[in-house]
Structure formats: C-alpha cells, structure tokens
Amino acid sequence: MGVISWIVFGLIVGVIANYIDPQAARGGLVGAIILGIVGGLVGGFLSSMVFGVGVTGFNITSLVIAVVGALVLLLIGRALNRA
C-alpha cells in the first residue's frame, strides 16, 4: 500500500476505534489518522506474532486487525496517563 492508502486506511481505522471506545482519545482528524496508522502497525505486529497474519491491504481482516491494534494503543495510553 502506498502512503495515501495508509493515510486513508488510518483515517478509517482511527474513526472506527474512536467510535468503539467510549472514552476516545482527543486529537481530531490528525489524531484519528495517526491512531489508525500506528494501530495498524501494532495490530499487524501482534497478529503476525500470534496468528501469522498481518495487515495486508484494504480487506476486512486487515481492518479488524488494525482496529484491535488501535484499541490496544488507546488502552495503553489511558493506563500511562493514570500512572
């Protein structure tokens, strides 16, 4: 996937993760894009370690993996802010 594809995919994932999480991180559109892109990287890394499948492009599996990664990032960020 190219840079523009990652930005669009990151936006979609970030918006979905912010919608799922009732205490979503604030950061606006740029924050949602960054959350989605980094969530895709984290989710891809974790799923490749556990299941052998990572983020491979625009498909449902990659979307689910990236959203889970973004939610993990939100939980980690919230835990670090409490400490």
PDB file of N, CA and C in Angstrom:
ATOM      1  N   MET A   1       0.843  -1.173   0.000  1.00  0.00           N
ATOM      2  CA  MET A   1       0.000   0.000   0.000  1.00  0.00           C
ATOM      3  C   MET A   1       0.885   1.233   0.000  1.00  0.00           C
ATOM      4  N   GLY A   2       0.459   2.243  -0.725  1.00  0.00           N
ATOM      5  CA  GLY A   2       1.199   3.483  -0.797  1.00  0.00           C
ATOM      6  C   GLY A   2       0.896   4.397   0.381  1.00  0.00           C
ATOM      7  N   VAL A   3       1.532   5.526   0.411  1.00  0.00           N
ATOM      8  CA  VAL A   3       1.386   6.471   1.507  1.00  0.00           C
ATOM      9  C   VAL A   3      -0.055   6.973   1.609  1.00  0.00           C
ATOM     10  N   ILE A   4      -0.648   7.325   0.490  1.00  0.00           N
ATOM     11  CA  ILE A   4      -2.030   7.811   0.502  1.00  0.00           C
ATOM     12  C   ILE A   4      -2.975   6.715   0.990  1.00  0.00           C
ATOM     13  N   SER A   5      -2.731   5.486   0.589  1.00  0.00           N
ATOM     14  CA  SER A   5      -3.565   4.371   1.033  1.00  0.00           C
ATOM     15  C   SER A   5      -3.468   4.189   2.541  1.00  0.00           C
ATOM     16  N   TRP A   6      -2.256   4.297   3.093  1.00  0.00           N
ATOM     17  CA  TRP A   6      -2.090   4.167   4.542  1.00  0.00           C
ATOM     18  C   TRP A   6      -2.804   5.291   5.275  1.00  0.00           C
ATOM     19  N   ILE A   7      -2.778   6.505   4.730  1.00  0.00           N
ATOM     20  CA  ILE A   7      -3.454   7.626   5.382  1.00  0.00           C
ATOM     21  C   ILE A   7      -4.965   7.410   5.381  1.00  0.00           C
ATOM     22  N   VAL A   8      -5.520   7.001   4.250  1.00  0.00           N
ATOM     23  CA  VAL A   8      -6.960   6.747   4.166  1.00  0.00           C
ATOM     24  C   VAL A   8      -7.344   5.578   5.071  1.00  0.00           C
ATOM     25  N   PHE A   9      -6.572   4.504   5.019  1.00  0.00           N
ATOM     26  CA  PHE A   9      -6.833   3.347   5.875  1.00  0.00           C
ATOM     27  C   PHE A   9      -6.721   3.741   7.345  1.00  0.00           C
ATOM     28  N   GLY A  10      -5.709   4.533   7.680  1.00  0.00           N
ATOM     29  CA  GLY A  10      -5.536   5.001   9.057  1.00  0.00           C
ATOM     30  C   GLY A  10      -6.689   5.862   9.521  1.00  0.00           C
ATOM     31  N   LEU A  11      -7.207   6.700   8.632  1.00  0.00           N
ATOM     32  CA  LEU A  11      -8.357   7.522   8.985  1.00  0.00           C
ATOM     33  C   LEU A  11      -9.570   6.658   9.288  1.00  0.00           C
ATOM     34  N   ILE A  12      -9.831   5.687   8.447  1.00  0.00           N
ATOM     35  CA  ILE A  12     -10.974   4.797   8.651  1.00  0.00           C
ATOM     36  C   ILE A  12     -10.828   4.035   9.967  1.00  0.00           C
ATOM     37  N   VAL A  13      -9.655   3.481  10.206  1.00  0.00           N
ATOM     38  CA  VAL A  13      -9.415   2.707  11.432  1.00  0.00           C
ATOM     39  C   VAL A  13      -9.501   3.603  12.663  1.00  0.00           C
ATOM     40  N   GLY A  14      -8.906   4.770  12.594  1.00  0.00           N
ATOM     41  CA  GLY A  14      -8.939   5.692  13.731  1.00  0.00           C
ATOM     42  C   GLY A  14     -10.343   6.134  14.085  1.00  0.00           C
ATOM     43  N   VAL A  15     -11.163   6.414  13.086  1.00  0.00           N
ATOM     44  CA  VAL A  15     -12.544   6.815  13.328  1.00  0.00           C
ATOM     45  C   VAL A  15     -13.329   5.660  13.948  1.00  0.00           C
ATOM     46  N   ILE A  16     -13.128   4.449  13.437  1.00  0.00           N
ATOM     47  CA  ILE A  16     -13.821   3.278  13.996  1.00  0.00           C
ATOM     48  C   ILE A  16     -13.393   3.043  15.440  1.00  0.00           C
ATOM     49  N   ALA A  17     -12.095   3.126  15.721  1.00  0.00           N
ATOM     50  CA  ALA A  17     -11.598   2.910  17.088  1.00  0.00           C
ATOM     51  C   ALA A  17     -12.132   3.980  18.028  1.00  0.00           C
ATOM     52  N   ASN A  18     -12.173   5.232  17.583  1.00  0.00           N
ATOM     53  CA  ASN A  18     -12.724   6.296  18.417  1.00  0.00           C
ATOM     54  C   ASN A  18     -14.222   6.108  18.634  1.00  0.00           C
ATOM     55  N   TYR A  19     -14.911   5.533  17.678  1.00  0.00           N
ATOM     56  CA  TYR A  19     -16.339   5.279  17.819  1.00  0.00           C
ATOM     57  C   TYR A  19     -16.605   4.126  18.783  1.00  0.00           C
ATOM     58  N   ILE A  20     -15.770   3.094  18.751  1.00  0.00           N
ATOM     59  CA  ILE A  20     -15.953   1.930  19.625  1.00  0.00           C
ATOM     60  C   ILE A  20     -15.637   2.277  21.071  1.00  0.00           C
ATOM     61  N   ASP A  21     -14.577   3.015  21.296  1.00  0.00           N
ATOM     62  CA  ASP A  21     -14.123   3.346  22.643  1.00  0.00           C
ATOM     63  C   ASP A  21     -14.951   4.509  23.193  1.00  0.00           C
ATOM     64  N   PRO A  22     -15.650   4.309  24.318  1.00  0.00           N
ATOM     65  CA  PRO A  22     -16.489   5.386  24.849  1.00  0.00           C
ATOM     66  C   PRO A  22     -15.684   6.578  25.366  1.00  0.00           C
ATOM     67  N   GLN A  23     -14.438   6.367  25.735  1.00  0.00           N
ATOM     68  CA  GLN A  23     -13.570   7.451  26.202  1.00  0.00           C
ATOM     69  C   GLN A  23     -12.464   7.683  25.186  1.00  0.00           C
ATOM     70  N   ALA A  24     -12.854   7.923  23.973  1.00  0.00           N
ATOM     71  CA  ALA A  24     -11.893   8.009  22.875  1.00  0.00           C
ATOM     72  C   ALA A  24     -10.902   9.146  23.085  1.00  0.00           C
ATOM     73  N   ALA A  25      -9.725   8.942  22.546  1.00  0.00           N
ATOM     74  CA  ALA A  25      -8.679   9.961  22.626  1.00  0.00           C
ATOM     75  C   ALA A  25      -9.082  11.169  21.803  1.00  0.00           C
ATOM     76  N   ARG A  26      -8.688  12.329  22.290  1.00  0.00           N
ATOM     77  CA  ARG A  26      -8.983  13.550  21.560  1.00  0.00           C
ATOM     78  C   ARG A  26      -7.768  13.917  20.737  1.00  0.00           C
ATOM     79  N   GLY A  27      -7.973  14.266  19.521  1.00  0.00           N
ATOM     80  CA  GLY A  27      -6.872  14.652  18.667  1.00  0.00           C
ATOM     81  C   GLY A  27      -7.364  15.090  17.305  1.00  0.00           C
ATOM     82  N   GLY A  28      -8.673  15.030  17.136  1.00  0.00           N
ATOM     83  CA  GLY A  28      -9.249  15.447  15.878  1.00  0.00           C
ATOM     84  C   GLY A  28      -8.926  14.483  14.748  1.00  0.00           C
ATOM     85  N   LEU A  29      -8.992  15.000  13.551  1.00  0.00           N
ATOM     86  CA  LEU A  29      -8.773  14.189  12.356  1.00  0.00           C
ATOM     87  C   LEU A  29      -7.337  13.676  12.273  1.00  0.00           C
ATOM     88  N   VAL A  30      -6.375  14.534  12.587  1.00  0.00           N
ATOM     89  CA  VAL A  30      -4.970  14.122  12.534  1.00  0.00           C
ATOM     90  C   VAL A  30      -4.695  13.048  13.582  1.00  0.00           C
ATOM     91  N   GLY A  31      -5.259  13.206  14.768  1.00  0.00           N
ATOM     92  CA  GLY A  31      -5.096  12.194  15.806  1.00  0.00           C
ATOM     93  C   GLY A  31      -5.700  10.859  15.419  1.00  0.00           C
ATOM     94  N   ALA A  32      -6.856  10.901  14.747  1.00  0.00           N
ATOM     95  CA  ALA A  32      -7.501   9.664  14.289  1.00  0.00           C
ATOM     96  C   ALA A  32      -6.654   8.975  13.228  1.00  0.00           C
ATOM     97  N   ILE A  33      -6.066   9.752  12.322  1.00  0.00           N
ATOM     98  CA  ILE A  33      -5.207   9.171  11.283  1.00  0.00           C
ATOM     99  C   ILE A  33      -3.973   8.532  11.908  1.00  0.00           C
ATOM    100  N   ILE A  34      -3.332   9.244  12.812  1.00  0.00           N
ATOM    101  CA  ILE A  34      -2.123   8.711  13.459  1.00  0.00           C
ATOM    102  C   ILE A  34      -2.463   7.470  14.275  1.00  0.00           C
ATOM    103  N   LEU A  35      -3.579   7.535  15.019  1.00  0.00           N
ATOM    104  CA  LEU A  35      -4.014   6.376  15.801  1.00  0.00           C
ATOM    105  C   LEU A  35      -4.263   5.175  14.898  1.00  0.00           C
ATOM    106  N   GLY A  36      -4.914   5.394  13.778  1.00  0.00           N
ATOM    107  CA  GLY A  36      -5.210   4.300  12.861  1.00  0.00           C
ATOM    108  C   GLY A  36      -3.975   3.702  12.222  1.00  0.00           C
ATOM    109  N   ILE A  37      -3.038   4.555  11.809  1.00  0.00           N
ATOM    110  CA  ILE A  37      -1.818   4.054  11.171  1.00  0.00           C
ATOM    111  C   ILE A  37      -0.960   3.284  12.174  1.00  0.00           C
ATOM    112  N   VAL A  38      -0.758   3.869  13.341  1.00  0.00           N
ATOM    113  CA  VAL A  38       0.047   3.181  14.356  1.00  0.00           C
ATOM    114  C   VAL A  38      -0.687   1.949  14.869  1.00  0.00           C
ATOM    115  N   GLY A  39      -2.011   2.034  14.972  1.00  0.00           N
ATOM    116  CA  GLY A  39      -2.805   0.867  15.362  1.00  0.00           C
ATOM    117  C   GLY A  39      -2.673  -0.262  14.356  1.00  0.00           C
ATOM    118  N   GLY A  40      -2.613   0.087  13.078  1.00  0.00           N
ATOM    119  CA  GLY A  40      -2.390  -0.924  12.048  1.00  0.00           C
ATOM    120  C   GLY A  40      -1.037  -1.584  12.192  1.00  0.00           C
ATOM    121  N   LEU A  41      -0.034  -0.788  12.521  1.00  0.00           N
ATOM    122  CA  LEU A  41       1.307  -1.352  12.720  1.00  0.00           C
ATOM    123  C   LEU A  41       1.352  -2.258  13.945  1.00  0.00           C
ATOM    124  N   VAL A  42       0.771  -1.790  15.045  1.00  0.00           N
ATOM    125  CA  VAL A  42       0.767  -2.585  16.278  1.00  0.00           C
ATOM    126  C   VAL A  42      -0.071  -3.853  16.091  1.00  0.00           C
ATOM    127  N   GLY A  43      -1.263  -3.686  15.524  1.00  0.00           N
ATOM    128  CA  GLY A  43      -2.125  -4.841  15.298  1.00  0.00           C
ATOM    129  C   GLY A  43      -1.504  -5.835  14.340  1.00  0.00           C
ATOM    130  N   GLY A  44      -0.857  -5.328  13.289  1.00  0.00           N
ATOM    131  CA  GLY A  44      -0.183  -6.209  12.336  1.00  0.00           C
ATOM    132  C   GLY A  44       0.955  -6.973  12.973  1.00  0.00           C
ATOM    133  N   PHE A  45       1.715  -6.281  13.826  1.00  0.00           N
ATOM    134  CA  PHE A  45       2.821  -6.944  14.515  1.00  0.00           C
ATOM    135  C   PHE A  45       2.307  -8.028  15.458  1.00  0.00           C
ATOM    136  N   LEU A  46       1.297  -7.670  16.270  1.00  0.00           N
ATOM    137  CA  LEU A  46       0.765  -8.638  17.229  1.00  0.00           C
ATOM    138  C   LEU A  46       0.113  -9.831  16.538  1.00  0.00           C
ATOM    139  N   SER A  47      -0.655  -9.571  15.483  1.00  0.00           N
ATOM    140  CA  SER A  47      -1.330 -10.684  14.815  1.00  0.00           C
ATOM    141  C   SER A  47      -0.349 -11.560  14.045  1.00  0.00           C
ATOM    142  N   SER A  48       0.733 -10.975  13.534  1.00  0.00           N
ATOM    143  CA  SER A  48       1.721 -11.809  12.850  1.00  0.00           C
ATOM    144  C   SER A  48       2.486 -12.676  13.846  1.00  0.00           C
ATOM    145  N   MET A  49       2.662 -12.169  15.065  1.00  0.00           N
ATOM    146  CA  MET A  49       3.328 -12.962  16.094  1.00  0.00           C
ATOM    147  C   MET A  49       2.426 -14.096  16.591  1.00  0.00           C
ATOM    148  N   VAL A  50       1.127 -13.832  16.724  1.00  0.00           N
ATOM    149  CA  VAL A  50       0.218 -14.810  17.300  1.00  0.00           C
ATOM    150  C   VAL A  50      -0.380 -15.738  16.241  1.00  0.00           C
ATOM    151  N   PHE A  51      -0.896 -15.135  15.148  1.00  0.00           N
ATOM    152  CA  PHE A  51      -1.638 -15.915  14.153  1.00  0.00           C
ATOM    153  C   PHE A  51      -0.899 -16.116  12.836  1.00  0.00           C
ATOM    154  N   GLY A  52       0.158 -15.386  12.608  1.00  0.00           N
ATOM    155  CA  GLY A  52       0.870 -15.479  11.344  1.00  0.00           C
ATOM    156  C   GLY A  52       0.226 -14.683  10.225  1.00  0.00           C
ATOM    157  N   VAL A  53      -0.726 -13.803  10.556  1.00  0.00           N
ATOM    158  CA  VAL A  53      -1.417 -12.968   9.565  1.00  0.00           C
ATOM    159  C   VAL A  53      -1.275 -11.522   9.992  1.00  0.00           C
ATOM    160  N   GLY A  54      -0.937 -10.653   9.046  1.00  0.00           N
ATOM    161  CA  GLY A  54      -0.784  -9.240   9.361  1.00  0.00           C
ATOM    162  C   GLY A  54      -1.687  -8.387   8.498  1.00  0.00           C
ATOM    163  N   VAL A  55      -1.444  -7.086   8.551  1.00  0.00           N
ATOM    164  CA  VAL A  55      -2.186  -6.142   7.734  1.00  0.00           C
ATOM    165  C   VAL A  55      -1.630  -6.221   6.316  1.00  0.00           C
ATOM    166  N   THR A  56      -2.496  -6.602   5.371  1.00  0.00           N
ATOM    167  CA  THR A  56      -2.028  -6.845   4.009  1.00  0.00           C
ATOM    168  C   THR A  56      -2.619  -5.897   2.986  1.00  0.00           C
ATOM    169  N   GLY A  57      -3.511  -5.025   3.370  1.00  0.00           N
ATOM    170  CA  GLY A  57      -4.126  -4.097   2.427  1.00  0.00           C
ATOM    171  C   GLY A  57      -5.551  -3.793   2.834  1.00  0.00           C
ATOM    172  N   PHE A  58      -6.330  -3.304   1.905  1.00  0.00           N
ATOM    173  CA  PHE A  58      -7.727  -2.985   2.171  1.00  0.00           C
ATOM    174  C   PHE A  58      -8.567  -4.252   2.105  1.00  0.00           C
ATOM    175  N   ASN A  59      -8.746  -4.891   3.235  1.00  0.00           N
ATOM    176  CA  ASN A  59      -9.656  -6.025   3.341  1.00  0.00           C
ATOM    177  C   ASN A  59     -10.178  -6.093   4.770  1.00  0.00           C
ATOM    178  N   ILE A  60     -11.172  -6.912   4.990  1.00  0.00           N
ATOM    179  CA  ILE A  60     -11.830  -6.969   6.302  1.00  0.00           C
ATOM    180  C   ILE A  60     -10.871  -7.452   7.387  1.00  0.00           C
ATOM    181  N   THR A  61     -10.071  -8.443   7.083  1.00  0.00           N
ATOM    182  CA  THR A  61      -9.122  -8.964   8.073  1.00  0.00           C
ATOM    183  C   THR A  61      -8.163  -7.887   8.527  1.00  0.00           C
ATOM    184  N   SER A  62      -7.600  -7.146   7.587  1.00  0.00           N
ATOM    185  CA  SER A  62      -6.672  -6.078   7.935  1.00  0.00           C
ATOM    186  C   SER A  62      -7.368  -4.978   8.726  1.00  0.00           C
ATOM    187  N   LEU A  63      -8.608  -4.689   8.371  1.00  0.00           N
ATOM    188  CA  LEU A  63      -9.361  -3.658   9.084  1.00  0.00           C
ATOM    189  C   LEU A  63      -9.583  -4.061  10.539  1.00  0.00           C
ATOM    190  N   VAL A  64      -9.975  -5.295  10.760  1.00  0.00           N
ATOM    191  CA  VAL A  64     -10.209  -5.774  12.123  1.00  0.00           C
ATOM    192  C   VAL A  64      -8.906  -5.776  12.918  1.00  0.00           C
ATOM    193  N   ILE A  65      -7.838  -6.245  12.320  1.00  0.00           N
ATOM    194  CA  ILE A  65      -6.537  -6.282  12.991  1.00  0.00           C
ATOM    195  C   ILE A  65      -6.095  -4.868  13.360  1.00  0.00           C
ATOM    196  N   ALA A  66      -6.243  -3.927  12.452  1.00  0.00           N
ATOM    197  CA  ALA A  66      -5.825  -2.552  12.707  1.00  0.00           C
ATOM    198  C   ALA A  66      -6.686  -1.896  13.782  1.00  0.00           C
ATOM    199  N   VAL A  67      -7.991  -2.163  13.775  1.00  0.00           N
ATOM    200  CA  VAL A  67      -8.866  -1.589  14.805  1.00  0.00           C
ATOM    201  C   VAL A  67      -8.504  -2.146  16.177  1.00  0.00           C
ATOM    202  N   VAL A  68      -8.236  -3.436  16.262  1.00  0.00           N
ATOM    203  CA  VAL A  68      -7.820  -4.029  17.538  1.00  0.00           C
ATOM    204  C   VAL A  68      -6.504  -3.403  18.004  1.00  0.00           C
ATOM    205  N   GLY A  69      -5.569  -3.213  17.084  1.00  0.00           N
ATOM    206  CA  GLY A  69      -4.309  -2.557  17.434  1.00  0.00           C
ATOM    207  C   GLY A  69      -4.518  -1.136  17.918  1.00  0.00           C
ATOM    208  N   ALA A  70      -5.423  -0.397  17.291  1.00  0.00           N
ATOM    209  CA  ALA A  70      -5.711   0.971  17.719  1.00  0.00           C
ATOM    210  C   ALA A  70      -6.362   0.987  19.106  1.00  0.00           C
ATOM    211  N   LEU A  71      -7.239   0.037  19.364  1.00  0.00           N
ATOM    212  CA  LEU A  71      -7.858  -0.044  20.687  1.00  0.00           C
ATOM    213  C   LEU A  71      -6.836  -0.401  21.760  1.00  0.00           C
ATOM    214  N   VAL A  72      -5.899  -1.277  21.415  1.00  0.00           N
ATOM    215  CA  VAL A  72      -4.814  -1.598  22.350  1.00  0.00           C
ATOM    216  C   VAL A  72      -4.006  -0.345  22.660  1.00  0.00           C
ATOM    217  N   LEU A  73      -3.721   0.456  21.647  1.00  0.00           N
ATOM    218  CA  LEU A  73      -2.991   1.706  21.868  1.00  0.00           C
ATOM    219  C   LEU A  73      -3.767   2.667  22.752  1.00  0.00           C
ATOM    220  N   LEU A  74      -5.076   2.764  22.537  1.00  0.00           N
ATOM    221  CA  LEU A  74      -5.894   3.621  23.395  1.00  0.00           C
ATOM    222  C   LEU A  74      -5.846   3.165  24.844  1.00  0.00           C
ATOM    223  N   LEU A  75      -5.919   1.847  25.069  1.00  0.00           N
ATOM    224  CA  LEU A  75      -5.869   1.321  26.433  1.00  0.00           C
ATOM    225  C   LEU A  75      -4.508   1.571  27.079  1.00  0.00           C
ATOM    226  N   ILE A  76      -3.437   1.379  26.315  1.00  0.00           N
ATOM    227  CA  ILE A  76      -2.089   1.638  26.853  1.00  0.00           C
ATOM    228  C   ILE A  76      -1.926   3.114  27.187  1.00  0.00           C
ATOM    229  N   GLY A  77      -2.377   3.978  26.286  1.00  0.00           N
ATOM    230  CA  GLY A  77      -2.283   5.414  26.535  1.00  0.00           C
ATOM    231  C   GLY A  77      -3.058   5.837  27.756  1.00  0.00           C
ATOM    232  N   ARG A  78      -4.241   5.279  27.943  1.00  0.00           N
ATOM    233  CA  ARG A  78      -5.050   5.595  29.121  1.00  0.00           C
ATOM    234  C   ARG A  78      -4.377   5.101  30.398  1.00  0.00           C
ATOM    235  N   ALA A  79      -3.763   3.914  30.346  1.00  0.00           N
ATOM    236  CA  ALA A  79      -3.075   3.360  31.513  1.00  0.00           C
ATOM    237  C   ALA A  79      -1.862   4.215  31.878  1.00  0.00           C
ATOM    238  N   LEU A  80      -1.137   4.702  30.866  1.00  0.00           N
ATOM    239  CA  LEU A  80       0.029   5.537  31.143  1.00  0.00           C
ATOM    240  C   LEU A  80      -0.368   6.898  31.702  1.00  0.00           C
ATOM    241  N   ASN A  81      -1.511   7.420  31.293  1.00  0.00           N
ATOM    242  CA  ASN A  81      -1.958   8.704  31.811  1.00  0.00           C
ATOM    243  C   ASN A  81      -2.400   8.624  33.255  1.00  0.00           C
ATOM    244  N   ARG A  82      -2.865   7.471  33.691  1.00  0.00           N
ATOM    245  CA  ARG A  82      -3.281   7.273  35.088  1.00  0.00           C
ATOM    246  C   ARG A  82      -2.083   7.150  36.020  1.00  0.00           C
ATOM    247  N   ALA A  83      -0.984   6.647  35.499  1.00  0.00           N
ATOM    248  CA  ALA A  83       0.188   6.401  36.358  1.00  0.00           C
ATOM    249  C   ALA A  83       0.913   7.667  36.702  1.00  0.00           C
TER     250      ALA A  83
END
